[in-house]
N, C-alpha and C. Protein backbone atom coordinates (compact mmCIF):
# COMPACT_ATOMS: atom_id res chain seq x y z
N MET A 1 69.99 -8.60 94.87
CA MET A 1 68.72 -9.29 95.03
C MET A 1 68.01 -9.48 93.71
N ASN A 2 68.64 -9.19 92.58
CA ASN A 2 67.95 -9.37 91.32
C ASN A 2 68.43 -10.63 90.59
N HIS A 3 68.93 -11.59 91.35
CA HIS A 3 69.38 -12.83 90.74
C HIS A 3 69.25 -13.99 91.72
N ILE A 4 69.36 -15.19 91.18
CA ILE A 4 69.39 -16.38 92.04
C ILE A 4 70.82 -16.52 92.53
N ARG A 5 71.01 -16.44 93.83
CA ARG A 5 72.37 -16.53 94.37
C ARG A 5 72.88 -17.96 94.29
N THR A 6 74.11 -18.09 93.83
CA THR A 6 74.73 -19.41 93.80
C THR A 6 76.09 -19.40 94.50
N LYS A 7 76.66 -18.24 94.77
CA LYS A 7 77.95 -18.13 95.46
C LYS A 7 77.80 -17.12 96.57
N PRO A 8 78.26 -17.35 97.76
CA PRO A 8 78.95 -18.56 98.20
C PRO A 8 78.00 -19.76 98.22
N PRO A 9 78.58 -20.95 98.39
CA PRO A 9 77.73 -22.15 98.42
C PRO A 9 76.68 -22.05 99.52
N PRO A 10 75.56 -22.73 99.33
CA PRO A 10 74.51 -22.73 100.36
C PRO A 10 75.03 -23.20 101.71
N SER A 11 74.42 -22.71 102.77
CA SER A 11 74.81 -23.09 104.12
C SER A 11 73.62 -23.71 104.84
N THR A 12 73.76 -23.89 106.14
CA THR A 12 72.69 -24.48 106.95
C THR A 12 72.14 -23.42 107.88
N ALA A 13 70.83 -23.38 108.03
CA ALA A 13 70.17 -22.45 108.94
C ALA A 13 69.34 -23.24 109.95
N SER A 14 69.24 -22.72 111.15
CA SER A 14 68.44 -23.37 112.19
C SER A 14 67.15 -22.60 112.42
N PHE A 15 66.05 -23.33 112.46
CA PHE A 15 64.74 -22.75 112.72
C PHE A 15 64.07 -23.56 113.82
N PHE A 16 63.77 -22.93 114.92
CA PHE A 16 63.07 -23.56 116.02
C PHE A 16 63.73 -24.88 116.40
N PHE A 17 63.18 -26.01 115.98
CA PHE A 17 63.67 -27.31 116.44
C PHE A 17 64.38 -28.10 115.35
N THR A 18 64.71 -27.48 114.25
CA THR A 18 65.31 -28.24 113.16
C THR A 18 66.33 -27.38 112.42
N SER A 19 67.14 -28.02 111.60
CA SER A 19 68.08 -27.31 110.73
C SER A 19 67.74 -27.62 109.29
N VAL A 20 67.99 -26.65 108.42
CA VAL A 20 67.70 -26.82 107.00
C VAL A 20 69.00 -26.58 106.25
N ALA A 21 69.43 -27.58 105.48
CA ALA A 21 70.65 -27.45 104.69
C ALA A 21 70.33 -26.87 103.32
N GLY A 22 71.30 -26.29 102.70
CA GLY A 22 71.11 -25.75 101.36
C GLY A 22 70.47 -24.38 101.34
N VAL A 23 70.55 -23.66 102.46
CA VAL A 23 69.95 -22.34 102.54
C VAL A 23 70.86 -21.33 101.86
N ASP A 24 70.30 -20.50 101.01
CA ASP A 24 71.06 -19.48 100.32
C ASP A 24 70.65 -18.09 100.78
N LEU A 25 69.35 -17.85 100.89
CA LEU A 25 68.83 -16.56 101.32
C LEU A 25 67.51 -16.78 102.04
N ILE A 26 67.34 -16.15 103.17
CA ILE A 26 66.11 -16.28 103.95
C ILE A 26 65.49 -14.90 104.11
N LEU A 27 64.24 -14.78 103.76
CA LEU A 27 63.48 -13.56 104.02
C LEU A 27 62.31 -13.97 104.89
N TRP A 28 62.35 -13.62 106.17
CA TRP A 28 61.29 -13.98 107.10
C TRP A 28 60.08 -13.10 106.80
N ALA A 29 58.93 -13.69 106.60
CA ALA A 29 57.74 -12.92 106.23
C ALA A 29 56.58 -13.26 107.14
N SER A 30 56.24 -12.35 108.05
CA SER A 30 55.06 -12.53 108.90
C SER A 30 54.61 -11.16 109.38
N GLY A 31 53.35 -11.06 109.74
CA GLY A 31 52.83 -9.79 110.24
C GLY A 31 51.64 -9.30 109.44
N ALA A 32 51.05 -8.21 109.88
CA ALA A 32 49.84 -7.69 109.26
C ALA A 32 50.12 -6.90 107.99
N LYS A 33 51.31 -6.36 107.84
CA LYS A 33 51.65 -5.64 106.62
C LYS A 33 53.02 -6.10 106.17
N PRO A 34 53.32 -5.94 104.89
CA PRO A 34 54.59 -6.46 104.40
C PRO A 34 55.79 -5.76 105.05
N ASN A 35 56.75 -6.55 105.47
CA ASN A 35 58.02 -6.02 105.97
C ASN A 35 58.91 -5.85 104.75
N ASN A 36 58.85 -4.68 104.15
CA ASN A 36 59.49 -4.49 102.85
C ASN A 36 60.69 -3.54 102.89
N ALA A 37 61.33 -3.42 104.03
CA ALA A 37 62.47 -2.50 104.15
C ALA A 37 63.54 -2.79 103.09
N THR A 38 63.85 -4.06 102.87
CA THR A 38 64.83 -4.43 101.86
C THR A 38 64.35 -4.04 100.47
N PHE A 39 63.08 -4.30 100.20
CA PHE A 39 62.54 -4.02 98.87
C PHE A 39 62.45 -2.52 98.59
N ARG A 40 62.21 -1.72 99.61
CA ARG A 40 62.09 -0.26 99.40
C ARG A 40 63.39 0.33 98.87
N THR A 41 64.51 -0.28 99.22
CA THR A 41 65.79 0.26 98.75
C THR A 41 66.28 -0.43 97.48
N THR A 42 65.94 -1.69 97.29
CA THR A 42 66.48 -2.42 96.14
C THR A 42 65.48 -2.62 95.01
N MET A 43 64.18 -2.56 95.31
CA MET A 43 63.17 -2.84 94.29
C MET A 43 61.99 -1.87 94.38
N ALA A 44 62.26 -0.63 94.71
CA ALA A 44 61.19 0.35 94.93
C ALA A 44 60.25 0.46 93.74
N ALA A 45 60.77 0.35 92.53
CA ALA A 45 59.93 0.48 91.34
C ALA A 45 58.95 -0.68 91.19
N SER A 46 59.18 -1.77 91.90
CA SER A 46 58.30 -2.94 91.81
C SER A 46 57.24 -2.99 92.90
N LEU A 47 57.22 -2.00 93.80
CA LEU A 47 56.25 -1.98 94.90
C LEU A 47 54.98 -1.26 94.50
N ASP A 48 53.83 -1.76 94.96
CA ASP A 48 52.57 -1.06 94.76
C ASP A 48 52.32 -0.10 95.92
N GLU A 49 51.15 0.54 95.93
CA GLU A 49 50.84 1.53 96.96
C GLU A 49 50.81 0.92 98.36
N ALA A 50 50.47 -0.35 98.47
CA ALA A 50 50.39 -1.02 99.77
C ALA A 50 51.75 -1.55 100.22
N GLY A 51 52.78 -1.42 99.38
CA GLY A 51 54.11 -1.89 99.74
C GLY A 51 54.37 -3.33 99.35
N ARG A 52 53.51 -3.91 98.51
CA ARG A 52 53.70 -5.29 98.07
C ARG A 52 54.41 -5.30 96.71
N LEU A 53 55.15 -6.38 96.46
CA LEU A 53 55.82 -6.54 95.18
C LEU A 53 54.80 -6.93 94.11
N VAL A 54 54.78 -6.19 93.02
CA VAL A 54 53.88 -6.49 91.91
C VAL A 54 54.53 -7.60 91.09
N THR A 55 53.75 -8.62 90.76
CA THR A 55 54.30 -9.76 90.04
C THR A 55 53.66 -9.93 88.67
N GLU A 56 54.40 -10.61 87.83
CA GLU A 56 53.86 -11.09 86.56
C GLU A 56 53.01 -12.32 86.87
N PRO A 57 52.23 -12.82 85.92
CA PRO A 57 51.45 -14.04 86.19
C PRO A 57 52.30 -15.23 86.64
N SER A 58 53.59 -15.25 86.28
CA SER A 58 54.50 -16.33 86.68
C SER A 58 54.99 -16.17 88.11
N LEU A 59 54.59 -15.09 88.79
CA LEU A 59 55.05 -14.70 90.13
C LEU A 59 56.46 -14.15 90.12
N LEU A 60 56.99 -13.90 88.93
CA LEU A 60 58.25 -13.18 88.78
C LEU A 60 57.96 -11.72 89.11
N VAL A 61 58.80 -11.11 89.92
CA VAL A 61 58.59 -9.71 90.29
C VAL A 61 58.72 -8.84 89.04
N ARG A 62 57.73 -8.00 88.82
CA ARG A 62 57.72 -7.13 87.65
C ARG A 62 58.99 -6.27 87.63
N GLY A 63 59.69 -6.31 86.50
CA GLY A 63 60.92 -5.53 86.35
C GLY A 63 62.17 -6.30 86.71
N SER A 64 62.04 -7.54 87.16
CA SER A 64 63.22 -8.34 87.50
C SER A 64 63.33 -9.53 86.56
N GLU A 65 64.49 -10.14 86.56
CA GLU A 65 64.69 -11.29 85.69
C GLU A 65 64.69 -12.61 86.45
N HIS A 66 64.99 -12.58 87.76
CA HIS A 66 65.16 -13.83 88.50
C HIS A 66 64.60 -13.77 89.91
N VAL A 67 63.78 -12.80 90.25
CA VAL A 67 63.25 -12.68 91.60
C VAL A 67 61.76 -12.98 91.57
N PHE A 68 61.35 -13.94 92.39
CA PHE A 68 59.95 -14.32 92.49
C PHE A 68 59.40 -13.87 93.84
N ALA A 69 58.10 -13.63 93.90
CA ALA A 69 57.46 -13.27 95.16
C ALA A 69 56.16 -14.05 95.29
N LEU A 70 55.86 -14.47 96.51
CA LEU A 70 54.61 -15.17 96.78
C LEU A 70 54.18 -14.84 98.20
N GLY A 71 52.94 -15.14 98.50
CA GLY A 71 52.43 -14.89 99.84
C GLY A 71 52.11 -13.44 100.07
N ASP A 72 52.21 -13.02 101.33
CA ASP A 72 51.78 -11.68 101.74
C ASP A 72 52.59 -10.55 101.13
N CYS A 73 53.85 -10.79 100.78
CA CYS A 73 54.68 -9.70 100.24
C CYS A 73 54.38 -9.44 98.77
N ALA A 74 53.60 -10.31 98.13
CA ALA A 74 53.35 -10.20 96.69
C ALA A 74 51.93 -9.75 96.39
N GLU A 75 51.81 -8.85 95.44
CA GLU A 75 50.48 -8.48 94.95
C GLU A 75 50.22 -9.31 93.71
N THR A 76 49.48 -10.39 93.91
CA THR A 76 49.22 -11.34 92.83
C THR A 76 47.75 -11.37 92.43
N GLY A 77 46.92 -10.67 93.18
CA GLY A 77 45.49 -10.75 92.95
C GLY A 77 44.85 -11.83 93.80
N ALA A 78 45.66 -12.65 94.45
CA ALA A 78 45.15 -13.75 95.28
C ALA A 78 44.98 -13.29 96.72
N SER A 79 44.15 -14.01 97.46
CA SER A 79 43.99 -13.71 98.89
C SER A 79 45.30 -14.03 99.61
N LYS A 80 45.52 -13.38 100.72
CA LYS A 80 46.76 -13.54 101.49
C LYS A 80 46.53 -14.60 102.56
N THR A 81 46.45 -15.85 102.14
CA THR A 81 46.19 -16.96 103.05
C THR A 81 47.23 -18.06 102.86
N ALA A 82 47.38 -18.90 103.87
CA ALA A 82 48.30 -20.04 103.78
C ALA A 82 47.86 -20.97 102.65
N TYR A 83 46.57 -21.12 102.48
CA TYR A 83 46.03 -21.96 101.41
C TYR A 83 46.58 -21.49 100.05
N MET A 84 46.54 -20.18 99.83
CA MET A 84 46.98 -19.64 98.55
C MET A 84 48.49 -19.75 98.38
N VAL A 85 49.25 -19.55 99.46
CA VAL A 85 50.71 -19.72 99.38
C VAL A 85 51.04 -21.16 99.00
N GLY A 86 50.27 -22.10 99.54
CA GLY A 86 50.47 -23.50 99.19
C GLY A 86 50.25 -23.77 97.71
N ALA A 87 49.39 -22.99 97.08
CA ALA A 87 49.16 -23.12 95.64
C ALA A 87 50.23 -22.37 94.84
N GLN A 88 50.77 -21.30 95.41
CA GLN A 88 51.79 -20.51 94.71
C GLN A 88 53.16 -21.19 94.73
N ALA A 89 53.50 -21.86 95.82
CA ALA A 89 54.84 -22.42 95.99
C ALA A 89 55.26 -23.37 94.87
N PRO A 90 54.41 -24.32 94.45
CA PRO A 90 54.84 -25.22 93.37
C PRO A 90 55.05 -24.48 92.04
N VAL A 91 54.29 -23.42 91.81
CA VAL A 91 54.47 -22.63 90.59
C VAL A 91 55.83 -21.95 90.62
N VAL A 92 56.17 -21.32 91.75
CA VAL A 92 57.48 -20.66 91.88
C VAL A 92 58.60 -21.68 91.76
N ALA A 93 58.48 -22.81 92.44
CA ALA A 93 59.53 -23.84 92.39
C ALA A 93 59.76 -24.31 90.96
N GLY A 94 58.68 -24.57 90.24
CA GLY A 94 58.80 -25.00 88.84
C GLY A 94 59.42 -23.93 87.96
N ASN A 95 59.05 -22.67 88.22
CA ASN A 95 59.59 -21.58 87.41
C ASN A 95 61.06 -21.31 87.72
N VAL A 96 61.47 -21.44 88.97
CA VAL A 96 62.89 -21.30 89.32
C VAL A 96 63.69 -22.39 88.61
N LYS A 97 63.17 -23.61 88.63
CA LYS A 97 63.85 -24.72 87.95
C LYS A 97 63.93 -24.46 86.45
N ALA A 98 62.83 -23.96 85.87
CA ALA A 98 62.82 -23.67 84.44
C ALA A 98 63.90 -22.65 84.08
N LEU A 99 64.02 -21.58 84.86
CA LEU A 99 65.06 -20.59 84.60
C LEU A 99 66.45 -21.19 84.78
N ALA A 100 66.63 -22.00 85.83
CA ALA A 100 67.93 -22.64 86.08
C ALA A 100 68.30 -23.59 84.94
N ASP A 101 67.28 -24.17 84.30
CA ASP A 101 67.50 -25.07 83.16
C ASP A 101 67.70 -24.31 81.85
N GLY A 102 67.68 -22.97 81.92
CA GLY A 102 67.93 -22.16 80.73
C GLY A 102 66.71 -21.79 79.91
N LYS A 103 65.53 -22.08 80.42
CA LYS A 103 64.32 -21.73 79.67
C LYS A 103 64.06 -20.23 79.77
N PRO A 104 63.44 -19.64 78.75
CA PRO A 104 63.18 -18.20 78.79
C PRO A 104 62.05 -17.84 79.75
N ALA A 105 62.11 -16.63 80.29
CA ALA A 105 61.07 -16.16 81.21
C ALA A 105 59.70 -16.11 80.54
N THR A 106 59.68 -15.96 79.23
CA THR A 106 58.40 -15.90 78.52
C THR A 106 57.66 -17.24 78.55
N GLY A 107 58.36 -18.33 78.84
CA GLY A 107 57.74 -19.64 78.87
C GLY A 107 57.39 -20.14 80.26
N LEU A 108 57.46 -19.27 81.27
CA LEU A 108 57.18 -19.70 82.64
C LEU A 108 55.70 -19.96 82.85
N LYS A 109 55.40 -20.85 83.77
CA LYS A 109 54.02 -21.19 84.10
C LYS A 109 53.36 -20.04 84.86
N ALA A 110 52.12 -19.76 84.53
CA ALA A 110 51.37 -18.70 85.21
C ALA A 110 50.63 -19.27 86.41
N PHE A 111 50.56 -18.48 87.47
CA PHE A 111 49.76 -18.83 88.64
C PHE A 111 48.36 -18.28 88.43
N THR A 112 47.36 -19.11 88.66
CA THR A 112 45.97 -18.66 88.63
C THR A 112 45.37 -18.93 90.00
N CYS A 113 44.74 -17.91 90.57
CA CYS A 113 44.30 -18.04 91.96
C CYS A 113 42.96 -18.73 92.12
N GLY A 114 42.15 -18.81 91.09
CA GLY A 114 40.87 -19.49 91.22
C GLY A 114 39.97 -18.85 92.25
N THR A 115 39.04 -19.62 92.74
CA THR A 115 38.07 -19.13 93.72
C THR A 115 38.72 -19.08 95.10
N PRO A 116 38.60 -17.96 95.81
CA PRO A 116 39.18 -17.87 97.15
C PRO A 116 38.54 -18.88 98.11
N ALA A 117 39.31 -19.31 99.08
CA ALA A 117 38.82 -20.23 100.10
C ALA A 117 39.26 -19.75 101.47
N MET A 118 38.41 -19.94 102.45
CA MET A 118 38.78 -19.60 103.82
C MET A 118 37.86 -20.37 104.76
N VAL A 119 38.44 -20.94 105.79
CA VAL A 119 37.67 -21.64 106.82
C VAL A 119 38.13 -21.07 108.15
N VAL A 120 37.19 -20.46 108.88
CA VAL A 120 37.53 -19.77 110.13
C VAL A 120 36.76 -20.40 111.29
N PRO A 121 37.43 -21.22 112.10
CA PRO A 121 36.76 -21.77 113.28
C PRO A 121 36.68 -20.73 114.39
N VAL A 122 35.61 -20.80 115.16
CA VAL A 122 35.46 -19.98 116.35
C VAL A 122 35.27 -20.98 117.48
N GLY A 123 36.37 -21.35 118.13
CA GLY A 123 36.33 -22.43 119.10
C GLY A 123 36.28 -23.76 118.36
N ALA A 124 36.01 -24.83 119.10
CA ALA A 124 36.01 -26.16 118.50
C ALA A 124 34.70 -26.51 117.81
N ALA A 125 33.62 -25.79 118.08
CA ALA A 125 32.31 -26.20 117.56
C ALA A 125 31.66 -25.23 116.59
N TYR A 126 32.23 -24.05 116.39
CA TYR A 126 31.57 -23.05 115.56
C TYR A 126 32.50 -22.53 114.48
N GLY A 127 31.94 -21.88 113.49
CA GLY A 127 32.75 -21.24 112.46
C GLY A 127 32.00 -21.12 111.15
N ARG A 128 32.64 -20.47 110.21
CA ARG A 128 32.10 -20.29 108.87
C ARG A 128 33.23 -20.43 107.88
N GLY A 129 32.86 -20.72 106.64
CA GLY A 129 33.87 -20.83 105.61
C GLY A 129 33.29 -20.75 104.23
N VAL A 130 34.19 -20.61 103.27
CA VAL A 130 33.83 -20.68 101.86
C VAL A 130 34.86 -21.59 101.20
N LEU A 131 34.37 -22.56 100.43
CA LEU A 131 35.24 -23.55 99.79
C LEU A 131 35.49 -23.17 98.34
N PRO A 132 36.64 -23.59 97.78
CA PRO A 132 37.07 -23.10 96.47
C PRO A 132 36.52 -23.84 95.27
N PHE A 133 35.30 -24.30 95.31
CA PHE A 133 34.73 -24.94 94.14
C PHE A 133 33.27 -24.54 93.99
N CYS A 134 32.74 -24.76 92.80
CA CYS A 134 31.35 -24.40 92.47
C CYS A 134 31.09 -22.92 92.76
N GLY A 135 32.05 -22.08 92.47
CA GLY A 135 31.86 -20.65 92.68
C GLY A 135 32.01 -20.20 94.12
N GLY A 136 32.37 -21.09 95.01
CA GLY A 136 32.55 -20.74 96.42
C GLY A 136 31.36 -21.14 97.26
N ILE A 137 31.37 -22.37 97.75
CA ILE A 137 30.27 -22.87 98.59
C ILE A 137 30.50 -22.42 100.03
N GLN A 138 29.48 -21.84 100.64
CA GLN A 138 29.59 -21.42 102.04
C GLN A 138 29.25 -22.59 102.95
N ILE A 139 30.03 -22.74 104.01
CA ILE A 139 29.79 -23.81 104.98
C ILE A 139 29.65 -23.22 106.37
N GLY A 140 29.02 -23.99 107.26
CA GLY A 140 28.74 -23.51 108.61
C GLY A 140 29.37 -24.36 109.69
N ASN A 141 28.81 -24.24 110.89
CA ASN A 141 29.38 -24.81 112.11
C ASN A 141 29.83 -26.26 111.99
N SER A 142 28.93 -27.15 111.59
CA SER A 142 29.27 -28.58 111.63
C SER A 142 30.42 -28.92 110.68
N MET A 143 30.39 -28.37 109.48
CA MET A 143 31.46 -28.68 108.53
C MET A 143 32.78 -28.03 108.94
N VAL A 144 32.72 -26.79 109.41
CA VAL A 144 33.96 -26.11 109.85
C VAL A 144 34.55 -26.84 111.04
N SER A 145 33.69 -27.19 111.98
CA SER A 145 34.16 -27.88 113.18
C SER A 145 34.80 -29.22 112.84
N SER A 146 34.19 -29.98 111.94
CA SER A 146 34.77 -31.29 111.60
C SER A 146 36.00 -31.15 110.71
N ALA A 147 36.05 -30.11 109.89
CA ALA A 147 37.18 -29.94 108.97
C ALA A 147 38.39 -29.28 109.62
N LYS A 148 38.15 -28.29 110.49
CA LYS A 148 39.27 -27.50 110.99
C LYS A 148 39.20 -27.19 112.48
N GLY A 149 38.03 -27.19 113.05
CA GLY A 149 37.86 -26.73 114.42
C GLY A 149 38.59 -27.54 115.47
N LYS A 150 38.80 -28.81 115.23
CA LYS A 150 39.44 -29.65 116.24
C LYS A 150 40.97 -29.58 116.18
N THR A 151 41.55 -29.48 114.98
CA THR A 151 43.01 -29.51 114.85
C THR A 151 43.61 -28.24 114.26
N LEU A 152 42.78 -27.35 113.73
CA LEU A 152 43.25 -26.13 113.05
C LEU A 152 44.21 -26.44 111.90
N PHE A 153 44.10 -27.64 111.35
CA PHE A 153 44.96 -28.11 110.26
C PHE A 153 46.42 -28.20 110.67
N LEU A 154 46.70 -28.23 111.98
CA LEU A 154 48.09 -28.32 112.42
C LEU A 154 48.76 -29.61 111.97
N ASP A 155 48.00 -30.71 111.92
CA ASP A 155 48.57 -31.97 111.45
C ASP A 155 49.01 -31.85 110.00
N LYS A 156 48.20 -31.22 109.16
CA LYS A 156 48.56 -31.01 107.76
C LYS A 156 49.77 -30.09 107.65
N THR A 157 49.77 -29.01 108.41
CA THR A 157 50.89 -28.07 108.37
C THR A 157 52.18 -28.74 108.80
N ARG A 158 52.12 -29.53 109.86
CA ARG A 158 53.32 -30.24 110.31
C ARG A 158 53.82 -31.20 109.23
N ALA A 159 52.89 -31.91 108.60
CA ALA A 159 53.29 -32.84 107.53
C ALA A 159 53.90 -32.08 106.36
N ASP A 160 53.29 -30.95 105.98
CA ASP A 160 53.81 -30.15 104.88
C ASP A 160 55.22 -29.65 105.18
N LEU A 161 55.51 -29.36 106.45
CA LEU A 161 56.83 -28.85 106.84
C LEU A 161 57.80 -29.95 107.25
N GLY A 162 57.34 -31.21 107.17
CA GLY A 162 58.22 -32.33 107.49
C GLY A 162 58.40 -32.62 108.96
N TYR A 163 57.44 -32.24 109.80
CA TYR A 163 57.54 -32.48 111.24
C TYR A 163 56.80 -33.74 111.62
């Protein structure tokens, strides 16, 4: 687990209603705490007290040369939200490509988390949120309801996942 796997060749995996080609390694990540059983045996020195992988600013796991972590399993200083994973993913993708192209790890792009954001609807008409600009603007019922309360951003999520 301390390298980018290239052999055997990538295969196809099925998820719910679709198949994804070019799959090399899948680590399913969901739940209230990190499912780190694999990491406890292979990367114990890189885990923090909460069981998350400690990362460099590039999201490279501290102490590894080719393993990146993002989202809930990573201790990056960022909030553990889908919004933040969406910001981390392009950084990791670019850094994986940079390493594959032979660039040194010292030249990888750093992830910066910026101002946290969260929008929490309570039913279709109520909710609260904080937006990630101007130091974190707080919003209330009408804005939350119009922004997220009706669809829960499912249309955006489906589009992001190609559905």
